[in-house]
Amino acid sequence: PARITYLKVCNFRALREVELADLTPLTVLLGPNGSGKS
């Protein structure tokens, strides 16, 4: 498969400027309710 290795999001709801670099084939998001996972 093609692989996503990097994601940058700006001005998307609470994601004012978020970078996820060096993404692994399995990436899991953890955090409190309302932290931005969804």
Full PDB file with SEQRES, HELIX, SHEET, SSBOND, CRYST1, ORIGX, SCALE, CONECT and MASTER records, all heavy atoms in Angstrom:
SEQRES   1 A   38  PRO ALA ARG ILE THR TYR LEU LYS VAL CYS ASN PHE ARG          
SEQRES   2 A   38  ALA LEU ARG GLU VAL GLU LEU ALA ASP LEU THR PRO LEU          
SEQRES   3 A   38  THR VAL LEU LEU GLY PRO ASN GLY SER GLY LYS SER              
SHEET    1 AA1 2 TYR A   6  PHE A  12  0                                        
SHEET    2 AA1 2 LEU A  15  ALA A  21 -1                                        
CRYST1    1.000    1.000    1.000  90.00  90.00  90.00 P 1           1          
ORIGX1      1.000000  0.000000  0.000000        0.00000                         
ORIGX2      0.000000  1.000000  0.000000        0.00000                         
ORIGX3      0.000000  0.000000  1.000000        0.00000                         
SCALE1      1.000000  0.000000  0.000000        0.00000                         
SCALE2      0.000000  1.000000  0.000000        0.00000                         
SCALE3      0.000000  0.000000  1.000000        0.00000                         
ATOM      1  N   PRO A   1       0.825  -1.215   0.000  1.00  0.00           N  
ATOM      2  CA  PRO A   1       0.000   0.000   0.000  1.00  0.00           C  
ATOM      3  C   PRO A   1       0.853   1.255   0.000  1.00  0.00           C  
ATOM      4  O   PRO A   1       2.019   1.255   0.410  1.00  0.00           O  
ATOM      5  CB  PRO A   1      -0.770  -0.117   1.325  1.00  0.00           C  
ATOM      6  CG  PRO A   1       0.160  -0.874   2.229  1.00  0.00           C  
ATOM      7  CD  PRO A   1       0.892  -1.843   1.333  1.00  0.00           C  
ATOM      8  N   ALA A   2       0.262   2.353  -0.484  1.00  0.00           N  
ATOM      9  CA  ALA A   2       0.867   3.664  -0.280  1.00  0.00           C  
ATOM     10  C   ALA A   2       0.816   3.973   1.214  1.00  0.00           C  
ATOM     11  O   ALA A   2      -0.095   3.537   1.921  1.00  0.00           O  
ATOM     12  CB  ALA A   2       0.119   4.725  -1.078  1.00  0.00           C  
ATOM     13  N   ARG A   3       1.795   4.719   1.697  1.00  0.00           N  
ATOM     14  CA  ARG A   3       1.872   5.038   3.126  1.00  0.00           C  
ATOM     15  C   ARG A   3       1.877   6.546   3.338  1.00  0.00           C  
ATOM     16  O   ARG A   3       2.628   7.272   2.690  1.00  0.00           O  
ATOM     17  CB  ARG A   3       3.161   4.475   3.729  1.00  0.00           C  
ATOM     18  CG  ARG A   3       3.295   2.965   3.685  1.00  0.00           C  
ATOM     19  CD  ARG A   3       2.417   2.293   4.705  1.00  0.00           C  
ATOM     20  NE  ARG A   3       2.781   0.897   4.893  1.00  0.00           N  
ATOM     21  CZ  ARG A   3       2.008   0.012   5.508  1.00  0.00           C  
ATOM     22  NH1 ARG A   3       0.842   0.397   6.010  1.00  0.00           N  
ATOM     23  NH2 ARG A   3       2.394  -1.239   5.641  1.00  0.00           N  
ATOM     24  N   ILE A   4       1.035   6.998   4.258  1.00  0.00           N  
ATOM     25  CA  ILE A   4       1.082   8.396   4.694  1.00  0.00           C  
ATOM     26  C   ILE A   4       2.151   8.502   5.774  1.00  0.00           C  
ATOM     27  O   ILE A   4       2.110   7.780   6.774  1.00  0.00           O  
ATOM     28  CB  ILE A   4      -0.279   8.848   5.254  1.00  0.00           C  
ATOM     29  CG1 ILE A   4      -1.373   8.687   4.197  1.00  0.00           C  
ATOM     30  CG2 ILE A   4      -0.207  10.293   5.731  1.00  0.00           C  
ATOM     31  CD1 ILE A   4      -2.771   8.881   4.743  1.00  0.00           C  
ATOM     32  N   THR A   5       3.115   9.380   5.572  1.00  0.00           N  
ATOM     33  CA  THR A   5       4.206   9.531   6.537  1.00  0.00           C  
ATOM     34  C   THR A   5       4.117  10.823   7.337  1.00  0.00           C  
ATOM     35  O   THR A   5       4.821  10.966   8.337  1.00  0.00           O  
ATOM     36  CB  THR A   5       5.562   9.500   5.822  1.00  0.00           C  
ATOM     37  OG1 THR A   5       5.652  10.604   4.913  1.00  0.00           O  
ATOM     38  CG2 THR A   5       5.738   8.197   5.033  1.00  0.00           C  
ATOM     39  N   TYR A   6       3.246  11.739   6.910  1.00  0.00           N  
ATOM     40  CA  TYR A   6       3.226  13.071   7.538  1.00  0.00           C  
ATOM     41  C   TYR A   6       1.853  13.695   7.331  1.00  0.00           C  
ATOM     42  O   TYR A   6       1.239  13.548   6.270  1.00  0.00           O  
ATOM     43  CB  TYR A   6       4.301  13.940   6.887  1.00  0.00           C  
ATOM     44  CG  TYR A   6       4.324  15.399   7.296  1.00  0.00           C  
ATOM     45  CD1 TYR A   6       5.075  15.828   8.389  1.00  0.00           C  
ATOM     46  CD2 TYR A   6       3.615  16.350   6.565  1.00  0.00           C  
ATOM     47  CE1 TYR A   6       5.110  17.173   8.740  1.00  0.00           C  
ATOM     48  CE2 TYR A   6       3.643  17.690   6.915  1.00  0.00           C  
ATOM     49  CZ  TYR A   6       4.391  18.095   8.009  1.00  0.00           C  
ATOM     50  OH  TYR A   6       4.432  19.433   8.359  1.00  0.00           O  
ATOM     51  N   LEU A   7       1.382  14.389   8.369  1.00  0.00           N  
ATOM     52  CA  LEU A   7       0.130  15.142   8.288  1.00  0.00           C  
ATOM     53  C   LEU A   7       0.319  16.483   8.988  1.00  0.00           C  
ATOM     54  O   LEU A   7       0.827  16.540  10.101  1.00  0.00           O  
ATOM     55  CB  LEU A   7      -1.010  14.370   8.967  1.00  0.00           C  
ATOM     56  CG  LEU A   7      -2.324  15.133   9.157  1.00  0.00           C  
ATOM     57  CD1 LEU A   7      -3.030  15.348   7.822  1.00  0.00           C  
ATOM     58  CD2 LEU A   7      -3.255  14.401  10.131  1.00  0.00           C  
ATOM     59  N   LYS A   8      -0.078  17.548   8.319  1.00  0.00           N  
ATOM     60  CA  LYS A   8      -0.108  18.870   8.943  1.00  0.00           C  
ATOM     61  C   LYS A   8      -1.476  19.478   8.697  1.00  0.00           C  
ATOM     62  O   LYS A   8      -1.969  19.493   7.564  1.00  0.00           O  
ATOM     63  CB  LYS A   8       0.978  19.784   8.376  1.00  0.00           C  
ATOM     64  CG  LYS A   8       0.996  21.162   9.049  1.00  0.00           C  
ATOM     65  CD  LYS A   8       2.131  22.037   8.524  1.00  0.00           C  
ATOM     66  CE  LYS A   8       2.146  23.383   9.230  1.00  0.00           C  
ATOM     67  NZ  LYS A   8       3.256  24.248   8.729  1.00  0.00           N  
ATOM     68  N   VAL A   9      -2.098  19.965   9.768  1.00  0.00           N  
ATOM     69  CA  VAL A   9      -3.436  20.543   9.690  1.00  0.00           C  
ATOM     70  C   VAL A   9      -3.405  21.929  10.331  1.00  0.00           C  
ATOM     71  O   VAL A   9      -2.864  22.097  11.430  1.00  0.00           O  
ATOM     72  CB  VAL A   9      -4.473  19.670  10.417  1.00  0.00           C  
ATOM     73  CG1 VAL A   9      -5.873  20.233  10.209  1.00  0.00           C  
ATOM     74  CG2 VAL A   9      -4.408  18.225   9.937  1.00  0.00           C  
ATOM     75  N   CYS A  10      -3.981  22.915   9.651  1.00  0.00           N  
ATOM     76  CA  CYS A  10      -4.067  24.275  10.182  1.00  0.00           C  
ATOM     77  C   CYS A  10      -5.507  24.770  10.098  1.00  0.00           C  
ATOM     78  O   CYS A  10      -6.186  24.577   9.079  1.00  0.00           O  
ATOM     79  CB  CYS A  10      -3.161  25.228   9.397  1.00  0.00           C  
ATOM     80  SG  CYS A  10      -1.392  24.869   9.523  1.00  0.00           S  
ATOM     81  N   ASN A  11      -5.949  25.392  11.184  1.00  0.00           N  
ATOM     82  CA  ASN A  11      -7.253  26.062  11.229  1.00  0.00           C  
ATOM     83  C   ASN A  11      -8.427  25.120  10.968  1.00  0.00           C  
ATOM     84  O   ASN A  11      -9.409  25.509  10.326  1.00  0.00           O  
ATOM     85  CB  ASN A  11      -7.284  27.246  10.248  1.00  0.00           C  
ATOM     86  CG  ASN A  11      -6.396  28.378  10.706  1.00  0.00           C  
ATOM     87  OD1 ASN A  11      -6.276  28.646  11.901  1.00  0.00           O  
ATOM     88  ND2 ASN A  11      -5.760  29.055   9.767  1.00  0.00           N  
ATOM     89  N   PHE A  12      -8.331  23.906  11.481  1.00  0.00           N  
ATOM     90  CA  PHE A  12      -9.430  22.940  11.418  1.00  0.00           C  
ATOM     91  C   PHE A  12      -9.901  22.726  12.857  1.00  0.00           C  
ATOM     92  O   PHE A  12      -9.277  22.002  13.623  1.00  0.00           O  
ATOM     93  CB  PHE A  12      -8.946  21.633  10.794  1.00  0.00           C  
ATOM     94  CG  PHE A  12     -10.040  20.663  10.425  1.00  0.00           C  
ATOM     95  CD1 PHE A  12     -10.378  20.458   9.096  1.00  0.00           C  
ATOM     96  CD2 PHE A  12     -10.725  19.934  11.393  1.00  0.00           C  
ATOM     97  CE1 PHE A  12     -11.366  19.543   8.735  1.00  0.00           C  
ATOM     98  CE2 PHE A  12     -11.711  19.027  11.051  1.00  0.00           C  
ATOM     99  CZ  PHE A  12     -12.040  18.829   9.714  1.00  0.00           C  
ATOM    100  N   ARG A  13     -10.978  23.423  13.230  1.00  0.00           N  
ATOM    101  CA  ARG A  13     -11.492  23.392  14.603  1.00  0.00           C  
ATOM    102  C   ARG A  13     -10.360  23.653  15.604  1.00  0.00           C  
ATOM    103  O   ARG A  13      -9.691  24.672  15.520  1.00  0.00           O  
ATOM    104  CB  ARG A  13     -12.218  22.075  14.860  1.00  0.00           C  
ATOM    105  CG  ARG A  13     -13.439  21.869  13.952  1.00  0.00           C  
ATOM    106  CD  ARG A  13     -14.370  20.803  14.514  1.00  0.00           C  
ATOM    107  NE  ARG A  13     -15.495  20.581  13.606  1.00  0.00           N  
ATOM    108  CZ  ARG A  13     -15.680  19.472  12.895  1.00  0.00           C  
ATOM    109  NH1 ARG A  13     -14.840  18.451  13.015  1.00  0.00           N  
ATOM    110  NH2 ARG A  13     -16.714  19.338  12.087  1.00  0.00           N  
ATOM    111  N   ALA A  14     -10.151  22.737  16.563  1.00  0.00           N  
ATOM    112  CA  ALA A  14      -9.127  22.982  17.588  1.00  0.00           C  
ATOM    113  C   ALA A  14      -7.712  22.741  17.077  1.00  0.00           C  
ATOM    114  O   ALA A  14      -6.742  23.002  17.800  1.00  0.00           O  
ATOM    115  CB  ALA A  14      -9.377  22.096  18.809  1.00  0.00           C  
ATOM    116  N   LEU A  15      -7.582  22.274  15.845  1.00  0.00           N  
ATOM    117  CA  LEU A  15      -6.254  22.010  15.280  1.00  0.00           C  
ATOM    118  C   LEU A  15      -5.742  23.286  14.609  1.00  0.00           C  
ATOM    119  O   LEU A  15      -5.764  23.428  13.391  1.00  0.00           O  
ATOM    120  CB  LEU A  15      -6.324  20.860  14.274  1.00  0.00           C  
ATOM    121  CG  LEU A  15      -7.029  19.582  14.734  1.00  0.00           C  
ATOM    122  CD1 LEU A  15      -6.999  18.534  13.629  1.00  0.00           C  
ATOM    123  CD2 LEU A  15      -6.395  19.038  16.010  1.00  0.00           C  
ATOM    124  N   ARG A  16      -5.283  24.214  15.435  1.00  0.00           N  
ATOM    125  CA  ARG A  16      -4.792  25.478  14.882  1.00  0.00           C  
ATOM    126  C   ARG A  16      -3.545  25.251  14.038  1.00  0.00           C  
ATOM    127  O   ARG A  16      -3.407  25.813  12.957  1.00  0.00           O  
ATOM    128  CB  ARG A  16      -4.484  26.461  16.016  1.00  0.00           C  
ATOM    129  CG  ARG A  16      -4.092  27.843  15.522  1.00  0.00           C  
ATOM    130  CD  ARG A  16      -3.838  28.781  16.675  1.00  0.00           C  
ATOM    131  NE  ARG A  16      -3.640  30.144  16.231  1.00  0.00           N  
ATOM    132  CZ  ARG A  16      -3.405  31.167  17.041  1.00  0.00           C  
ATOM    133  NH1 ARG A  16      -3.343  30.963  18.365  1.00  0.00           N  
ATOM    134  NH2 ARG A  16      -3.238  32.385  16.567  1.00  0.00           N  
ATOM    135  N   GLU A  17      -2.633  24.448  14.544  1.00  0.00           N  
ATOM    136  CA  GLU A  17      -1.456  24.039  13.779  1.00  0.00           C  
ATOM    137  C   GLU A  17      -0.905  22.764  14.411  1.00  0.00           C  
ATOM    138  O   GLU A  17      -0.239  22.815  15.439  1.00  0.00           O  
ATOM    139  CB  GLU A  17      -0.379  25.118  13.750  1.00  0.00           C  
ATOM    140  CG  GLU A  17       0.808  24.754  12.868  1.00  0.00           C  
ATOM    141  CD  GLU A  17       1.815  25.879  12.730  1.00  0.00           C  
ATOM    142  OE1 GLU A  17       1.535  27.003  13.200  1.00  0.00           O  
ATOM    143  OE2 GLU A  17       2.894  25.631  12.158  1.00  0.00           O  
ATOM    144  N   VAL A  18      -1.212  21.655  13.806  1.00  0.00           N  
ATOM    145  CA  VAL A  18      -0.816  20.349  14.339  1.00  0.00           C  
ATOM    146  C   VAL A  18      -0.055  19.587  13.269  1.00  0.00           C  
ATOM    147  O   VAL A  18      -0.508  19.489  12.126  1.00  0.00           O  
ATOM    148  CB  VAL A  18      -2.046  19.536  14.807  1.00  0.00           C  
ATOM    149  CG1 VAL A  18      -1.673  18.085  15.089  1.00  0.00           C  
ATOM    150  CG2 VAL A  18      -2.666  20.162  16.045  1.00  0.00           C  
ATOM    151  N   GLU A  19       1.084  19.036  13.652  1.00  0.00           N  
ATOM    152  CA  GLU A  19       1.886  18.211  12.761  1.00  0.00           C  
ATOM    153  C   GLU A  19       2.034  16.815  13.354  1.00  0.00           C  
ATOM    154  O   GLU A  19       2.340  16.675  14.544  1.00  0.00           O  
ATOM    155  CB  GLU A  19       3.277  18.806  12.558  1.00  0.00           C  
ATOM    156  CG  GLU A  19       3.325  20.029  11.673  1.00  0.00           C  
ATOM    157  CD  GLU A  19       4.754  20.480  11.425  1.00  0.00           C  
ATOM    158  OE1 GLU A  19       5.260  21.284  12.236  1.00  0.00           O  
ATOM    159  OE2 GLU A  19       5.365  20.033  10.432  1.00  0.00           O  
ATOM    160  N   LEU A  20       1.817  15.823  12.546  1.00  0.00           N  
ATOM    161  CA  LEU A  20       2.100  14.435  12.913  1.00  0.00           C  
ATOM    162  C   LEU A  20       3.152  13.934  11.931  1.00  0.00           C  
ATOM    163  O   LEU A  20       2.834  13.593  10.783  1.00  0.00           O  
ATOM    164  CB  LEU A  20       0.839  13.578  12.841  1.00  0.00           C  
ATOM    165  CG  LEU A  20      -0.353  13.995  13.715  1.00  0.00           C  
ATOM    166  CD1 LEU A  20      -1.524  13.045  13.504  1.00  0.00           C  
ATOM    167  CD2 LEU A  20       0.023  14.042  15.181  1.00  0.00           C  
ATOM    168  N   ALA A  21       4.403  13.934  12.361  1.00  0.00           N  
ATOM    169  CA  ALA A  21       5.507  13.525  11.500  1.00  0.00           C  
ATOM    170  C   ALA A  21       5.880  12.072  11.789  1.00  0.00           C  
ATOM    171  O   ALA A  21       5.578  11.535  12.863  1.00  0.00           O  
ATOM    172  CB  ALA A  21       6.711  14.433  11.717  1.00  0.00           C  
ATOM    173  N   ASP A  22       6.534  11.448  10.826  1.00  0.00           N  
ATOM    174  CA  ASP A  22       7.016  10.066  10.967  1.00  0.00           C  
ATOM    175  C   ASP A  22       5.891   9.134  11.415  1.00  0.00           C  
ATOM    176  O   ASP A  22       6.038   8.355  12.368  1.00  0.00           O  
ATOM    177  CB  ASP A  22       8.179  10.003  11.968  1.00  0.00           C  
ATOM    178  CG  ASP A  22       9.350  10.869  11.533  1.00  0.00           C  
ATOM    179  OD1 ASP A  22       9.670  10.878  10.336  1.00  0.00           O  
ATOM    180  OD2 ASP A  22       9.928  11.559  12.407  1.00  0.00           O  
ATOM    181  N   LEU A  23       4.766   9.210  10.713  1.00  0.00           N  
ATOM    182  CA  LEU A  23       3.629   8.359  11.053  1.00  0.00           C  
ATOM    183  C   LEU A  23       3.983   6.897  10.842  1.00  0.00           C  
ATOM    184  O   LEU A  23       4.586   6.527   9.839  1.00  0.00           O  
ATOM    185  CB  LEU A  23       2.417   8.733  10.203  1.00  0.00           C  
ATOM    186  CG  LEU A  23       1.721  10.049  10.562  1.00  0.00           C  
ATOM    187  CD1 LEU A  23       0.685  10.397   9.515  1.00  0.00           C  
ATOM    188  CD2 LEU A  23       1.068   9.955  11.935  1.00  0.00           C  
ATOM    189  N   THR A  24       3.593   6.065  11.785  1.00  0.00           N  
ATOM    190  CA  THR A  24       3.826   4.626  11.703  1.00  0.00           C  
ATOM    191  C   THR A  24       2.652   3.965  10.989  1.00  0.00           C  
ATOM    192  O   THR A  24       1.558   4.546  10.908  1.00  0.00           O  
ATOM    193  CB  THR A  24       3.980   4.047  13.116  1.00  0.00           C  
ATOM    194  OG1 THR A  24       2.926   4.552  13.953  1.00  0.00           O  
ATOM    195  CG2 THR A  24       5.307   4.450  13.730  1.00  0.00           C  
ATOM    196  N   PRO A  25       2.822   2.748  10.470  1.00  0.00           N  
ATOM    197  CA  PRO A  25       1.696   2.068   9.804  1.00  0.00           C  
ATOM    198  C   PRO A  25       0.469   1.936  10.696  1.00  0.00           C  
ATOM    199  O   PRO A  25      -0.657   2.004  10.213  1.00  0.00           O  
ATOM    200  CB  PRO A  25       2.284   0.705   9.442  1.00  0.00           C  
ATOM    201  CG  PRO A  25       3.744   0.966   9.265  1.00  0.00           C  
ATOM    202  CD  PRO A  25       4.084   1.996  10.297  1.00  0.00           C  
ATOM    203  N   LEU A  26       0.675   1.751  12.004  1.00  0.00           N  
ATOM    204  CA  LEU A  26      -0.404   1.811  12.990  1.00  0.00           C  
ATOM    205  C   LEU A  26      -0.142   3.024  13.868  1.00  0.00           C  
ATOM    206  O   LEU A  26       0.873   3.091  14.558  1.00  0.00           O  
ATOM    207  CB  LEU A  26      -0.442   0.543  13.842  1.00  0.00           C  
ATOM    208  CG  LEU A  26      -1.380   0.574  15.059  1.00  0.00           C  
ATOM    209  CD1 LEU A  26      -2.824   0.786  14.637  1.00  0.00           C  
ATOM    210  CD2 LEU A  26      -1.239  -0.705  15.887  1.00  0.00           C  
ATOM    211  N   THR A  27      -1.047   3.990  13.819  1.00  0.00           N  
ATOM    212  CA  THR A  27      -0.937   5.192  14.647  1.00  0.00           C  
ATOM    213  C   THR A  27      -2.163   5.279  15.530  1.00  0.00           C  
ATOM    214  O   THR A  27      -3.298   5.209  15.041  1.00  0.00           O  
ATOM    215  CB  THR A  27      -0.824   6.460  13.785  1.00  0.00           C  
ATOM    216  OG1 THR A  27       0.356   6.392  12.981  1.00  0.00           O  
ATOM    217  CG2 THR A  27      -0.765   7.701  14.656  1.00  0.00           C  
ATOM    218  N   VAL A  28      -1.949   5.422  16.843  1.00  0.00           N  
ATOM    219  CA  VAL A  28      -3.040   5.464  17.809  1.00  0.00           C  
ATOM    220  C   VAL A  28      -3.020   6.807  18.525  1.00  0.00           C  
ATOM    221  O   VAL A  28      -1.969   7.252  18.998  1.00  0.00           O  
ATOM    222  CB  VAL A  28      -2.924   4.307  18.821  1.00  0.00           C  
ATOM    223  CG1 VAL A  28      -4.040   4.393  19.863  1.00  0.00           C  
ATOM    224  CG2 VAL A  28      -2.988   2.965  18.097  1.00  0.00           C  
ATOM    225  N   LEU A  29      -4.183   7.458  18.603  1.00  0.00           N  
ATOM    226  CA  LEU A  29      -4.322   8.756  19.258  1.00  0.00           C  
ATOM    227  C   LEU A  29      -4.917   8.559  20.642  1.00  0.00           C  
ATOM    228  O   LEU A  29      -5.955   7.919  20.800  1.00  0.00           O  
ATOM    229  CB  LEU A  29      -5.213   9.678  18.431  1.00  0.00           C  
ATOM    230  CG  LEU A  29      -4.816   9.874  16.964  1.00  0.00           C  
ATOM    231  CD1 LEU A  29      -5.788  10.831  16.278  1.00  0.00           C  
ATOM    232  CD2 LEU A  29      -3.388  10.378  16.843  1.00  0.00           C  
ATOM    233  N   LEU A  30      -4.252   9.147  21.636  1.00  0.00           N  
ATOM    234  CA  LEU A  30      -4.641   9.019  23.043  1.00  0.00           C  
ATOM    235  C   LEU A  30      -4.772  10.406  23.636  1.00  0.00           C  
ATOM    236  O   LEU A  30      -3.981  11.299  23.324  1.00  0.00           O  
ATOM    237  CB  LEU A  30      -3.567   8.224  23.797  1.00  0.00           C  
ATOM    238  CG  LEU A  30      -3.670   8.139  25.313  1.00  0.00           C  
ATOM    239  CD1 LEU A  30      -4.841   7.257  25.718  1.00  0.00           C  
ATOM    240  CD2 LEU A  30      -2.366   7.618  25.910  1.00  0.00           C  
ATOM    241  N   GLY A  31      -5.739  10.606  24.514  1.00  0.00           N  
ATOM    242  CA  GLY A  31      -5.870  11.893  25.185  1.00  0.00           C  
ATOM    243  C   GLY A  31      -7.224  12.034  25.848  1.00  0.00           C  
ATOM    244  O   GLY A  31      -8.128  11.213  25.642  1.00  0.00           O  
ATOM    245  N   PRO A  32      -7.403  13.095  26.652  1.00  0.00           N  
ATOM    246  CA  PRO A  32      -8.683  13.319  27.324  1.00  0.00           C  
ATOM    247  C   PRO A  32      -9.801  13.578  26.322  1.00  0.00           C  
ATOM    248  O   PRO A  32      -9.565  13.853  25.145  1.00  0.00           O  
ATOM    249  CB  PRO A  32      -8.415  14.573  28.179  1.00  0.00           C  
ATOM    250  CG  PRO A  32      -6.936  14.689  28.269  1.00  0.00           C  
ATOM    251  CD  PRO A  32      -6.399  14.106  27.008  1.00  0.00           C  
ATOM    252  N   ASN A  33     -11.037  13.502  26.796  1.00  0.00           N  
ATOM    253  CA  ASN A  33     -12.172  13.915  25.973  1.00  0.00           C  
ATOM    254  C   ASN A  33     -11.981  15.371  25.556  1.00  0.00           C  
ATOM    255  O   ASN A  33     -11.590  16.215  26.361  1.00  0.00           O  
ATOM    256  CB  ASN A  33     -13.479  13.775  26.754  1.00  0.00           C  
ATOM    257  CG  ASN A  33     -13.794  12.336  27.101  1.00  0.00           C  
ATOM    258  OD1 ASN A  33     -13.690  11.929  28.254  1.00  0.00           O  
ATOM    259  ND2 ASN A  33     -14.174  11.547  26.118  1.00  0.00           N  
ATOM    260  N   GLY A  34     -12.263  15.650  24.298  1.00  0.00           N  
ATOM    261  CA  GLY A  34     -12.145  17.023  23.814  1.00  0.00           C  
ATOM    262  C   GLY A  34     -10.745  17.462  23.485  1.00  0.00           C  
ATOM    263  O   GLY A  34     -10.514  18.640  23.206  1.00  0.00           O  
ATOM    264  N   SER A  35      -9.787  16.542  23.484  1.00  0.00           N  
ATOM    265  CA  SER A  35      -8.392  16.929  23.230  1.00  0.00           C  
ATOM    266  C   SER A  35      -8.089  17.073  21.746  1.00  0.00           C  
ATOM    267  O   SER A  35      -7.060  17.644  21.379  1.00  0.00           O  
ATOM    268  CB  SER A  35      -7.437  15.904  23.852  1.00  0.00           C  
ATOM    269  OG  SER A  35      -7.656  14.608  23.306  1.00  0.00           O  
ATOM    270  N   GLY A  36      -8.959  16.549  20.868  1.00  0.00           N  
ATOM    271  CA  GLY A  36      -8.749  16.695  19.431  1.00  0.00           C  
ATOM    272  C   GLY A  36      -8.582  15.389  18.684  1.00  0.00           C  
ATOM    273  O   GLY A  36      -8.348  15.400  17.468  1.00  0.00           O  
ATOM    274  N   LYS A  37      -8.717  14.256  19.379  1.00  0.00           N  
ATOM    275  CA  LYS A  37      -8.547  12.960  18.707  1.00  0.00           C  
ATOM    276  C   LYS A  37      -9.567  12.786  17.584  1.00  0.00           C  
ATOM    277  O   LYS A  37      -9.203  12.447  16.452  1.00  0.00           O  
ATOM    278  CB  LYS A  37      -8.687  11.815  19.716  1.00  0.00           C  
ATOM    279  CG  LYS A  37      -7.725  11.855  20.883  1.00  0.00           C  
ATOM    280  CD  LYS A  37      -7.873  10.644  21.776  1.00  0.00           C  
ATOM    281  CE  LYS A  37      -9.268  10.468  22.347  1.00  0.00           C  
ATOM    282  NZ  LYS A  37      -9.703  11.619  23.178  1.00  0.00           N  
ATOM    283  N   SER A  38     -10.833  13.010  17.905  1.00  0.00           N  
ATOM    284  CA  SER A  38     -11.878  12.846  16.893  1.00  0.00           C  
ATOM    285  C   SER A  38     -11.759  13.884  15.789  1.00  0.00           C  
ATOM    286  O   SER A  38     -12.173  13.634  14.649  1.00  0.00           O  
ATOM    287  CB  SER A  38     -13.265  12.925  17.550  1.00  0.00           C  
ATOM    288  OG  SER A  38     -13.470  11.835  18.422  1.00  0.00           O  
TER     289      SER A  38                                                      
MASTER        0    0    0    0    2    0    0    6  288    1    0    3          
END                                                                             
